[in-house]
Amino acid sequence: MIPASSPSTASDKIVSVRDLKFTYEGGIQALKGINLDIRRGEYVAVVGGNGSGKTTLAKNINGLLRPTSGTVMVNGRSASDLTVAQLARVVGYAFQNPDHQLFCSSVVDEVRFGPQNMGFTQEDISTKVERAIEAMDLKGQRDQPPLSLTLGERRRVSIASVIAMTPEVFIVDEPTTGLDARETDDLMASIDRLNQEGRTVILITHDMNLVAKHARRVLVMSEGRIVLDSDPGGAFSDLELLLQSKLVPPPVVQLAHRLSGLGVSRETLSPGELVSRLMLGGGEAK
């Protein structure tokens, strides 16, 4: 069951999707009637197993794909009436594979490419580029060819190139695939800062550890539908639904479920919460 979204006014909604359906050539129906509102400043994780429709949904929001039927409204305007370039001013998209975005001879040129083609003044372009490079900690790599960098650095370059266009909505698709723990922590901290600065973040992932640590709202997708819309605690409390949706909860969540008979909340998300609850005899952590 999908809980009703919190009340919001039209001005709060940066993305509004109604009865969205999408079918690929060959007849594969990837989206089967999606209804969704995302408000300004939210940090939303869209999760699901392979083939659940999460990336297809993201690409319909930013215009890389167009609905078979239904509507996508972005910042109060129909996405169908806007070009991909126009949508990029509002919705930025960082691909799962950064190499699909990188083609310039240097990092600074890569980051400059987007804003330079959006009609900003040279002064604005320089400011946006420097802020994006700083946000992704790329000062030491600014003159290097992007494709010569490590995978973690290439991901940061691809994200910086989106940041430089200053979109209001920032979609990151499986951003930590192939990264080690330190690279993952550094990258997610940078994405968190974007949200703290007011950007709306949509995190596309199947990594439930990232969801537990970073997201404030979770959309679980399965077979082209949203099957749960909740806060992280509520999402992790439904272990059966997550497993049916081909998602593996973090070990601490699985342990909390096993200890629920002792009064430990099934909404426990972190080891610290679990220890606190156990020390309090299974009650709510204070």
C-alpha atoms as a PDB file:
ATOM      1  CA  MET A   1       0.000   0.000   0.000  1.00  0.00           C
ATOM      2  CA  ILE A   2       1.281   3.459  -0.923  1.00  0.00           C
ATOM      3  CA  PRO A   3       0.769   6.101   1.753  1.00  0.00           C
ATOM      4  CA  ALA A   4      -0.595   9.446   0.652  1.00  0.00           C
ATOM      5  CA  SER A   5       2.050  12.095   0.081  1.00  0.00           C
ATOM      6  CA  SER A   6       2.253  15.007   2.459  1.00  0.00           C
ATOM      7  CA  PRO A   7       0.038  17.948   1.513  1.00  0.00           C
ATOM      8  CA  SER A   8       1.734  20.407  -0.816  1.00  0.00           C
ATOM      9  CA  THR A   9       0.835  23.427  -2.886  1.00  0.00           C
ATOM     10  CA  ALA A  10       1.437  23.687  -6.619  1.00  0.00           C
ATOM     11  CA  SER A  11       4.445  25.926  -5.985  1.00  0.00           C
ATOM     12  CA  ASP A  12       6.030  23.200  -3.808  1.00  0.00           C
ATOM     13  CA  LYS A  13       5.994  20.662  -6.639  1.00  0.00           C
ATOM     14  CA  ILE A  14       9.083  20.678  -8.807  1.00  0.00           C
ATOM     15  CA  VAL A  15       8.101  17.375 -10.504  1.00  0.00           C
ATOM     16  CA  SER A  16       4.581  16.082 -10.962  1.00  0.00           C
ATOM     17  CA  VAL A  17       3.843  12.828 -12.819  1.00  0.00           C
ATOM     18  CA  ARG A  18       0.370  11.587 -13.703  1.00  0.00           C
ATOM     19  CA  ASP A  19      -0.542   8.155 -15.132  1.00  0.00           C
ATOM     20  CA  LEU A  20       2.880   7.884 -16.778  1.00  0.00           C
ATOM     21  CA  LYS A  21       3.293   4.887 -19.054  1.00  0.00           C
ATOM     22  CA  PHE A  22       6.285   4.062 -21.203  1.00  0.00           C
ATOM     23  CA  THR A  23       6.779   1.208 -23.660  1.00  0.00           C
ATOM     24  CA  TYR A  24      10.081   0.500 -25.396  1.00  0.00           C
ATOM     25  CA  GLU A  25      10.301  -0.613 -29.007  1.00  0.00           C
ATOM     26  CA  GLY A  26       9.569  -4.298 -29.057  1.00  0.00           C
ATOM     27  CA  GLY A  27       6.613  -3.924 -26.728  1.00  0.00           C
ATOM     28  CA  ILE A  28       8.344  -3.988 -23.342  1.00  0.00           C
ATOM     29  CA  GLN A  29       6.203  -1.879 -20.994  1.00  0.00           C
ATOM     30  CA  ALA A  30       8.639  -0.350 -18.511  1.00  0.00           C
ATOM     31  CA  LEU A  31       6.266   2.037 -16.715  1.00  0.00           C
ATOM     32  CA  LYS A  32       2.663   1.099 -15.961  1.00  0.00           C
ATOM     33  CA  GLY A  33       0.879   4.167 -14.690  1.00  0.00           C
ATOM     34  CA  ILE A  34       3.145   6.165 -12.373  1.00  0.00           C
ATOM     35  CA  ASN A  35       1.671   8.925 -10.189  1.00  0.00           C
ATOM     36  CA  LEU A  36       4.187  10.976  -8.261  1.00  0.00           C
ATOM     37  CA  ASP A  37       4.873  14.429  -6.808  1.00  0.00           C
ATOM     38  CA  ILE A  38       8.363  15.527  -5.772  1.00  0.00           C
ATOM     39  CA  ARG A  39       8.675  18.740  -3.798  1.00  0.00           C
ATOM     40  CA  ARG A  40      11.446  21.302  -3.887  1.00  0.00           C
ATOM     41  CA  GLY A  41      14.362  20.416  -1.655  1.00  0.00           C
ATOM     42  CA  GLU A  42      13.449  16.757  -1.193  1.00  0.00           C
ATOM     43  CA  TYR A  43      16.041  13.956  -1.084  1.00  0.00           C
ATOM     44  CA  VAL A  44      14.307  11.016  -2.730  1.00  0.00           C
ATOM     45  CA  ALA A  45      15.711   7.544  -3.324  1.00  0.00           C
ATOM     46  CA  VAL A  46      14.094   5.608  -6.174  1.00  0.00           C
ATOM     47  CA  VAL A  47      14.952   1.968  -5.575  1.00  0.00           C
ATOM     48  CA  GLY A  48      14.251  -1.376  -7.160  1.00  0.00           C
ATOM     49  CA  GLY A  49      15.894  -4.356  -8.778  1.00  0.00           C
ATOM     50  CA  ASN A  50      17.094  -4.503 -12.374  1.00  0.00           C
ATOM     51  CA  GLY A  51      14.189  -3.928 -14.740  1.00  0.00           C
ATOM     52  CA  SER A  52      11.973  -2.294 -12.127  1.00  0.00           C
ATOM     53  CA  GLY A  53      11.665   0.919 -14.169  1.00  0.00           C
ATOM     54  CA  LYS A  54      13.618   3.328 -11.970  1.00  0.00           C
ATOM     55  CA  THR A  55      16.037   4.556 -14.660  1.00  0.00           C
ATOM     56  CA  THR A  56      13.230   4.748 -17.230  1.00  0.00           C
ATOM     57  CA  LEU A  57      11.286   6.954 -14.806  1.00  0.00           C
ATOM     58  CA  ALA A  58      14.305   9.226 -14.322  1.00  0.00           C
ATOM     59  CA  LYS A  59      14.848   9.589 -18.069  1.00  0.00           C
ATOM     60  CA  ASN A  60      11.181  10.513 -18.579  1.00  0.00           C
ATOM     61  CA  ILE A  61      11.571  13.240 -15.955  1.00  0.00           C
ATOM     62  CA  ASN A  62      14.588  14.818 -17.645  1.00  0.00           C
ATOM     63  CA  GLY A  63      13.320  14.364 -21.216  1.00  0.00           C
ATOM     64  CA  LEU A  64      15.760  11.757 -22.530  1.00  0.00           C
ATOM     65  CA  LEU A  65      12.677   9.577 -22.957  1.00  0.00           C
ATOM     66  CA  ARG A  66       9.161  10.799 -23.743  1.00  0.00           C
ATOM     67  CA  PRO A  67       6.001   9.235 -22.273  1.00  0.00           C
ATOM     68  CA  THR A  68       4.002   6.748 -24.292  1.00  0.00           C
ATOM     69  CA  SER A  69       1.042   8.232 -22.419  1.00  0.00           C
ATOM     70  CA  GLY A  70       0.441  10.326 -19.323  1.00  0.00           C
ATOM     71  CA  THR A  71       2.088  13.592 -18.292  1.00  0.00           C
ATOM     72  CA  VAL A  72       5.311  14.786 -16.705  1.00  0.00           C
ATOM     73  CA  MET A  73       5.270  18.337 -15.340  1.00  0.00           C
ATOM     74  CA  VAL A  74       8.577  19.986 -14.433  1.00  0.00           C
ATOM     75  CA  ASN A  75       8.509  23.302 -12.603  1.00  0.00           C
ATOM     76  CA  GLY A  76       4.889  23.772 -13.643  1.00  0.00           C
ATOM     77  CA  ARG A  77       5.423  23.099 -17.362  1.00  0.00           C
ATOM     78  CA  SER A  78       4.769  19.981 -19.411  1.00  0.00           C
ATOM     79  CA  ALA A  79       8.038  18.222 -20.199  1.00  0.00           C
ATOM     80  CA  SER A  80       6.570  17.293 -23.585  1.00  0.00           C
ATOM     81  CA  ASP A  81       6.582  20.993 -24.527  1.00  0.00           C
ATOM     82  CA  LEU A  82      10.262  21.431 -23.659  1.00  0.00           C
ATOM     83  CA  THR A  83      13.451  20.337 -25.398  1.00  0.00           C
ATOM     84  CA  VAL A  84      16.054  18.281 -23.567  1.00  0.00           C
ATOM     85  CA  ALA A  85      18.231  21.415 -23.444  1.00  0.00           C
ATOM     86  CA  GLN A  86      15.404  23.422 -21.851  1.00  0.00           C
ATOM     87  CA  LEU A  87      14.732  20.661 -19.328  1.00  0.00           C
ATOM     88  CA  ALA A  88      18.447  20.503 -18.487  1.00  0.00           C
ATOM     89  CA  ARG A  89      18.149  23.975 -16.970  1.00  0.00           C
ATOM     90  CA  VAL A  90      15.810  22.482 -14.352  1.00  0.00           C
ATOM     91  CA  VAL A  91      16.633  18.762 -14.220  1.00  0.00           C
ATOM     92  CA  GLY A  92      20.260  17.637 -14.334  1.00  0.00           C
ATOM     93  CA  TYR A  93      21.056  13.974 -14.948  1.00  0.00           C
ATOM     94  CA  ALA A  94      24.322  12.190 -14.123  1.00  0.00           C
ATOM     95  CA  PHE A  95      24.487   8.865 -15.951  1.00  0.00           C
ATOM     96  CA  GLN A  96      25.273   5.566 -14.278  1.00  0.00           C
ATOM     97  CA  ASN A  97      28.326   5.209 -16.524  1.00  0.00           C
ATOM     98  CA  PRO A  98      30.284   8.505 -16.436  1.00  0.00           C
ATOM     99  CA  ASP A  99      32.088   7.610 -19.657  1.00  0.00           C
ATOM    100  CA  HIS A 100      28.799   8.132 -21.519  1.00  0.00           C
ATOM    101  CA  GLN A 101      29.081  11.846 -20.639  1.00  0.00           C
ATOM    102  CA  LEU A 102      32.791  12.588 -21.005  1.00  0.00           C
ATOM    103  CA  PHE A 103      34.290  13.739 -24.311  1.00  0.00           C
ATOM    104  CA  CYS A 104      36.347  16.920 -23.770  1.00  0.00           C
ATOM    105  CA  SER A 105      40.127  17.137 -23.596  1.00  0.00           C
ATOM    106  CA  SER A 106      40.308  18.456 -20.025  1.00  0.00           C
ATOM    107  CA  VAL A 107      38.230  18.410 -16.856  1.00  0.00           C
ATOM    108  CA  VAL A 108      37.709  22.177 -16.903  1.00  0.00           C
ATOM    109  CA  ASP A 109      36.501  22.048 -20.526  1.00  0.00           C
ATOM    110  CA  GLU A 110      34.148  19.200 -19.648  1.00  0.00           C
ATOM    111  CA  VAL A 111      32.626  21.154 -16.787  1.00  0.00           C
ATOM    112  CA  ARG A 112      32.444  24.321 -18.889  1.00  0.00           C
ATOM    113  CA  PHE A 113      30.657  22.668 -21.834  1.00  0.00           C
ATOM    114  CA  GLY A 114      27.144  22.688 -20.351  1.00  0.00           C
ATOM    115  CA  PRO A 115      26.882  26.284 -19.135  1.00  0.00           C
ATOM    116  CA  GLN A 116      28.745  27.537 -22.207  1.00  0.00           C
ATOM    117  CA  ASN A 117      25.975  26.136 -24.402  1.00  0.00           C
ATOM    118  CA  MET A 118      23.190  27.558 -22.256  1.00  0.00           C
ATOM    119  CA  GLY A 119      23.789  31.224 -23.049  1.00  0.00           C
ATOM    120  CA  PHE A 120      25.331  32.360 -19.760  1.00  0.00           C
ATOM    121  CA  THR A 121      27.790  35.252 -19.716  1.00  0.00           C
ATOM    122  CA  GLN A 122      31.500  34.427 -19.564  1.00  0.00           C
ATOM    123  CA  GLU A 123      31.623  35.746 -16.007  1.00  0.00           C
ATOM    124  CA  ASP A 124      28.723  33.501 -14.978  1.00  0.00           C
ATOM    125  CA  ILE A 125      30.288  30.522 -16.748  1.00  0.00           C
ATOM    126  CA  SER A 126      33.591  30.979 -14.926  1.00  0.00           C
ATOM    127  CA  THR A 127      31.819  31.255 -11.570  1.00  0.00           C
ATOM    128  CA  LYS A 128      29.686  28.157 -12.204  1.00  0.00           C
ATOM    129  CA  VAL A 129      32.670  26.111 -13.394  1.00  0.00           C
ATOM    130  CA  GLU A 130      34.836  26.987 -10.396  1.00  0.00           C
ATOM    131  CA  ARG A 131      32.024  26.263  -7.942  1.00  0.00           C
ATOM    132  CA  ALA A 132      31.344  22.880  -9.564  1.00  0.00           C
ATOM    133  CA  ILE A 133      35.017  21.921  -9.579  1.00  0.00           C
ATOM    134  CA  GLU A 134      35.305  22.913  -5.929  1.00  0.00           C
ATOM    135  CA  ALA A 135      32.094  21.058  -5.001  1.00  0.00           C
ATOM    136  CA  MET A 136      33.477  17.832  -6.468  1.00  0.00           C
ATOM    137  CA  ASP A 137      37.032  18.397  -5.188  1.00  0.00           C
ATOM    138  CA  LEU A 138      38.597  18.386  -8.657  1.00  0.00           C
ATOM    139  CA  LYS A 139      41.049  21.284  -8.434  1.00  0.00           C
ATOM    140  CA  GLY A 140      44.015  18.943  -8.745  1.00  0.00           C
ATOM    141  CA  GLN A 141      42.580  17.324 -11.885  1.00  0.00           C
ATOM    142  CA  ARG A 142      41.203  20.399 -13.673  1.00  0.00           C
ATOM    143  CA  ASP A 143      43.707  20.280 -16.590  1.00  0.00           C
ATOM    144  CA  GLN A 144      43.821  16.496 -16.993  1.00  0.00           C
ATOM    145  CA  PRO A 145      41.943  14.523 -19.680  1.00  0.00           C
ATOM    146  CA  PRO A 146      38.809  13.123 -17.999  1.00  0.00           C
ATOM    147  CA  LEU A 147      39.177   9.653 -19.491  1.00  0.00           C
ATOM    148  CA  SER A 148      42.657   9.314 -17.967  1.00  0.00           C
ATOM    149  CA  LEU A 149      41.240   9.592 -14.433  1.00  0.00           C
ATOM    150  CA  THR A 150      40.144   6.877 -12.030  1.00  0.00           C
ATOM    151  CA  LEU A 151      36.521   5.728 -12.042  1.00  0.00           C
ATOM    152  CA  GLY A 152      35.787   7.693  -8.859  1.00  0.00           C
ATOM    153  CA  GLU A 153      37.311  10.853 -10.341  1.00  0.00           C
ATOM    154  CA  ARG A 154      35.416  10.374 -13.624  1.00  0.00           C
ATOM    155  CA  ARG A 155      32.165  10.115 -11.656  1.00  0.00           C
ATOM    156  CA  ARG A 156      32.984  13.376  -9.895  1.00  0.00           C
ATOM    157  CA  VAL A 157      33.712  15.053 -13.251  1.00  0.00           C
ATOM    158  CA  SER A 158      30.403  13.878 -14.730  1.00  0.00           C
ATOM    159  CA  ILE A 159      28.533  15.172 -11.683  1.00  0.00           C
ATOM    160  CA  ALA A 160      30.466  18.466 -11.724  1.00  0.00           C
ATOM    161  CA  SER A 161      29.466  18.964 -15.364  1.00  0.00           C
ATOM    162  CA  VAL A 162      25.814  18.725 -14.276  1.00  0.00           C
ATOM    163  CA  ILE A 163      26.298  20.939 -11.203  1.00  0.00           C
ATOM    164  CA  ALA A 164      27.778  23.660 -13.423  1.00  0.00           C
ATOM    165  CA  MET A 165      24.439  23.997 -15.216  1.00  0.00           C
ATOM    166  CA  THR A 166      22.843  24.811 -11.825  1.00  0.00           C
ATOM    167  CA  PRO A 167      19.697  22.689 -12.217  1.00  0.00           C
ATOM    168  CA  GLU A 168      17.087  22.753  -9.470  1.00  0.00           C
ATOM    169  CA  VAL A 169      16.662  18.980  -9.613  1.00  0.00           C
ATOM    170  CA  PHE A 170      19.690  16.729  -9.580  1.00  0.00           C
ATOM    171  CA  ILE A 171      19.274  13.064 -10.641  1.00  0.00           C
ATOM    172  CA  VAL A 172      22.171  10.719  -9.906  1.00  0.00           C
ATOM    173  CA  ASP A 173      21.902   7.195 -11.318  1.00  0.00           C
ATOM    174  CA  GLU A 174      23.764   4.490  -9.358  1.00  0.00           C
ATOM    175  CA  PRO A 175      26.553   6.981  -8.498  1.00  0.00           C
ATOM    176  CA  THR A 176      28.708   4.672  -6.371  1.00  0.00           C
ATOM    177  CA  THR A 177      28.899   1.539  -8.543  1.00  0.00           C
ATOM    178  CA  GLY A 178      32.513   0.367  -8.657  1.00  0.00           C
ATOM    179  CA  LEU A 179      33.736   2.790  -5.975  1.00  0.00           C
ATOM    180  CA  ASP A 180      35.484   1.774  -2.773  1.00  0.00           C
ATOM    181  CA  ALA A 181      34.178   2.761   0.666  1.00  0.00           C
ATOM    182  CA  ARG A 182      36.188   5.987   0.921  1.00  0.00           C
ATOM    183  CA  GLU A 183      35.264   7.127  -2.596  1.00  0.00           C
ATOM    184  CA  THR A 184      31.619   6.319  -1.878  1.00  0.00           C
ATOM    185  CA  ASP A 185      31.608   8.307   1.364  1.00  0.00           C
ATOM    186  CA  ASP A 186      33.307  11.300  -0.280  1.00  0.00           C
ATOM    187  CA  LEU A 187      30.958  11.329  -3.268  1.00  0.00           C
ATOM    188  CA  MET A 188      27.785  10.944  -1.201  1.00  0.00           C
ATOM    189  CA  ALA A 189      28.929  13.713   1.156  1.00  0.00           C
ATOM    190  CA  SER A 190      29.199  16.005  -1.875  1.00  0.00           C
ATOM    191  CA  ILE A 191      25.698  15.034  -3.041  1.00  0.00           C
ATOM    192  CA  ASP A 192      24.364  15.596   0.484  1.00  0.00           C
ATOM    193  CA  ARG A 193      25.803  19.124   0.429  1.00  0.00           C
ATOM    194  CA  LEU A 194      23.935  19.874  -2.793  1.00  0.00           C
ATOM    195  CA  ASN A 195      20.691  18.945  -1.044  1.00  0.00           C
ATOM    196  CA  GLN A 196      21.610  21.014   2.003  1.00  0.00           C
ATOM    197  CA  GLU A 197      22.092  23.978  -0.339  1.00  0.00           C
ATOM    198  CA  GLY A 198      18.493  23.565  -1.529  1.00  0.00           C
ATOM    199  CA  ARG A 199      18.780  21.293  -4.564  1.00  0.00           C
ATOM    200  CA  THR A 200      16.222  18.548  -5.013  1.00  0.00           C
ATOM    201  CA  VAL A 201      18.093  15.232  -5.182  1.00  0.00           C
ATOM    202  CA  ILE A 202      16.734  12.072  -6.810  1.00  0.00           C
ATOM    203  CA  LEU A 203      18.997   9.121  -6.087  1.00  0.00           C
ATOM    204  CA  ILE A 204      18.479   6.115  -8.380  1.00  0.00           C
ATOM    205  CA  THR A 205      19.955   3.042  -6.717  1.00  0.00           C
ATOM    206  CA  HIS A 206      19.585  -0.549  -5.630  1.00  0.00           C
ATOM    207  CA  ASP A 207      22.093  -0.041  -2.791  1.00  0.00           C
ATOM    208  CA  MET A 208      19.961   0.050   0.335  1.00  0.00           C
ATOM    209  CA  ASN A 209      22.925   1.072   2.495  1.00  0.00           C
ATOM    210  CA  LEU A 210      22.969   4.414   0.636  1.00  0.00           C
ATOM    211  CA  VAL A 211      19.233   4.767   1.165  1.00  0.00           C
ATOM    212  CA  ALA A 212      19.516   4.175   4.912  1.00  0.00           C
ATOM    213  CA  LYS A 213      22.326   6.713   5.286  1.00  0.00           C
ATOM    214  CA  HIS A 214      21.212   9.515   2.981  1.00  0.00           C
ATOM    215  CA  ALA A 215      17.625   9.561   1.690  1.00  0.00           C
ATOM    216  CA  ARG A 216      14.639  11.099   3.462  1.00  0.00           C
ATOM    217  CA  ARG A 217      11.997   9.582   1.196  1.00  0.00           C
ATOM    218  CA  VAL A 218      11.967   6.202  -0.518  1.00  0.00           C
ATOM    219  CA  LEU A 219      10.062   5.118  -3.627  1.00  0.00           C
ATOM    220  CA  VAL A 220      10.195   1.350  -4.117  1.00  0.00           C
ATOM    221  CA  MET A 221       9.588   0.254  -7.713  1.00  0.00           C
ATOM    222  CA  SER A 222       8.751  -3.191  -9.016  1.00  0.00           C
ATOM    223  CA  GLU A 223       7.709  -4.213 -12.520  1.00  0.00           C
ATOM    224  CA  GLY A 224       7.084  -0.651 -13.661  1.00  0.00           C
ATOM    225  CA  ARG A 225       5.024   0.471 -10.670  1.00  0.00           C
ATOM    226  CA  ILE A 226       5.641   2.320  -7.416  1.00  0.00           C
ATOM    227  CA  VAL A 227       4.752  -0.219  -4.739  1.00  0.00           C
ATOM    228  CA  LEU A 228       5.766   1.845  -1.709  1.00  0.00           C
ATOM    229  CA  ASP A 229       6.245   5.561  -1.014  1.00  0.00           C
ATOM    230  CA  SER A 230       7.520   6.153   2.517  1.00  0.00           C
ATOM    231  CA  ASP A 231      10.218   7.571   4.723  1.00  0.00           C
ATOM    232  CA  PRO A 232      13.267   5.275   5.104  1.00  0.00           C
ATOM    233  CA  GLY A 233      12.088   3.874   8.435  1.00  0.00           C
ATOM    234  CA  GLY A 234       8.756   2.886   6.985  1.00  0.00           C
ATOM    235  CA  ALA A 235      10.369   1.383   3.894  1.00  0.00           C
ATOM    236  CA  PHE A 236      12.796  -0.737   5.892  1.00  0.00           C
ATOM    237  CA  SER A 237      10.072  -1.925   8.232  1.00  0.00           C
ATOM    238  CA  ASP A 238       8.514  -3.911   5.339  1.00  0.00           C
ATOM    239  CA  LEU A 239      11.236  -6.515   4.838  1.00  0.00           C
ATOM    240  CA  GLU A 240       9.010  -8.824   2.807  1.00  0.00           C
ATOM    241  CA  LEU A 241       8.173  -6.113   0.271  1.00  0.00           C
ATOM    242  CA  LEU A 242      11.845  -5.190  -0.141  1.00  0.00           C
ATOM    243  CA  LEU A 243      12.816  -8.794  -0.788  1.00  0.00           C
ATOM    244  CA  GLN A 244       9.950  -9.214  -3.255  1.00  0.00           C
ATOM    245  CA  SER A 245      11.257  -6.090  -5.026  1.00  0.00           C
ATOM    246  CA  LYS A 246      14.723  -7.695  -5.337  1.00  0.00           C
ATOM    247  CA  LEU A 247      16.284  -5.387  -2.757  1.00  0.00           C
ATOM    248  CA  VAL A 248      18.687  -6.483  -0.031  1.00  0.00           C
ATOM    249  CA  PRO A 249      18.305  -4.493   3.217  1.00  0.00           C
ATOM    250  CA  PRO A 250      21.482  -3.575   5.132  1.00  0.00           C
ATOM    251  CA  PRO A 251      22.607  -6.210   7.680  1.00  0.00           C
ATOM    252  CA  VAL A 252      21.665  -3.946  10.606  1.00  0.00           C
ATOM    253  CA  VAL A 253      18.089  -3.742   9.303  1.00  0.00           C
ATOM    254  CA  GLN A 254      17.887  -7.510   8.948  1.00  0.00           C
ATOM    255  CA  LEU A 255      19.235  -7.926  12.497  1.00  0.00           C
ATOM    256  CA  ALA A 256      16.690  -5.426  13.857  1.00  0.00           C
ATOM    257  CA  HIS A 257      13.913  -7.497  12.317  1.00  0.00           C
ATOM    258  CA  ARG A 258      15.267 -10.641  13.973  1.00  0.00           C
ATOM    259  CA  LEU A 259      15.370  -8.819  17.304  1.00  0.00           C
ATOM    260  CA  SER A 260      11.916  -7.279  16.924  1.00  0.00           C
ATOM    261  CA  GLY A 261      10.573  -9.907  19.341  1.00  0.00           C
ATOM    262  CA  LEU A 262      12.694  -8.205  22.013  1.00  0.00           C
ATOM    263  CA  GLY A 263      11.024  -4.881  21.258  1.00  0.00           C
ATOM    264  CA  VAL A 264      13.645  -3.533  18.820  1.00  0.00           C
ATOM    265  CA  SER A 265      11.982  -1.297  16.234  1.00  0.00           C
ATOM    266  CA  ARG A 266      11.904  -2.622  12.681  1.00  0.00           C
ATOM    267  CA  GLU A 267      12.569   0.946  11.555  1.00  0.00           C
ATOM    268  CA  THR A 268      16.128   0.840  12.942  1.00  0.00           C
ATOM    269  CA  LEU A 269      18.479   2.127  10.213  1.00  0.00           C
ATOM    270  CA  SER A 270      21.984   2.267  11.695  1.00  0.00           C
ATOM    271  CA  PRO A 271      24.265   0.333  14.067  1.00  0.00           C
ATOM    272  CA  GLY A 272      24.204   3.292  16.469  1.00  0.00           C
ATOM    273  CA  GLU A 273      20.412   3.208  16.628  1.00  0.00           C
ATOM    274  CA  LEU A 274      20.464  -0.543  17.204  1.00  0.00           C
ATOM    275  CA  VAL A 275      22.951  -0.296  20.068  1.00  0.00           C
ATOM    276  CA  SER A 276      20.955   2.523  21.667  1.00  0.00           C
ATOM    277  CA  ARG A 277      17.731   0.560  21.445  1.00  0.00           C
ATOM    278  CA  LEU A 278      19.325  -2.563  22.916  1.00  0.00           C
ATOM    279  CA  MET A 279      20.838  -0.563  25.775  1.00  0.00           C
ATOM    280  CA  LEU A 280      17.380   0.829  26.469  1.00  0.00           C
ATOM    281  CA  GLY A 281      15.948  -2.670  26.579  1.00  0.00           C
ATOM    282  CA  GLY A 282      14.468  -2.576  23.075  1.00  0.00           C
ATOM    283  CA  GLY A 283      12.670   0.753  23.554  1.00  0.00           C
ATOM    284  CA  GLU A 284      12.958   3.831  21.405  1.00  0.00           C
ATOM    285  CA  ALA A 285      16.421   5.366  21.211  1.00  0.00           C
ATOM    286  CA  LYS A 286      16.604   8.737  22.918  1.00  0.00           C
END
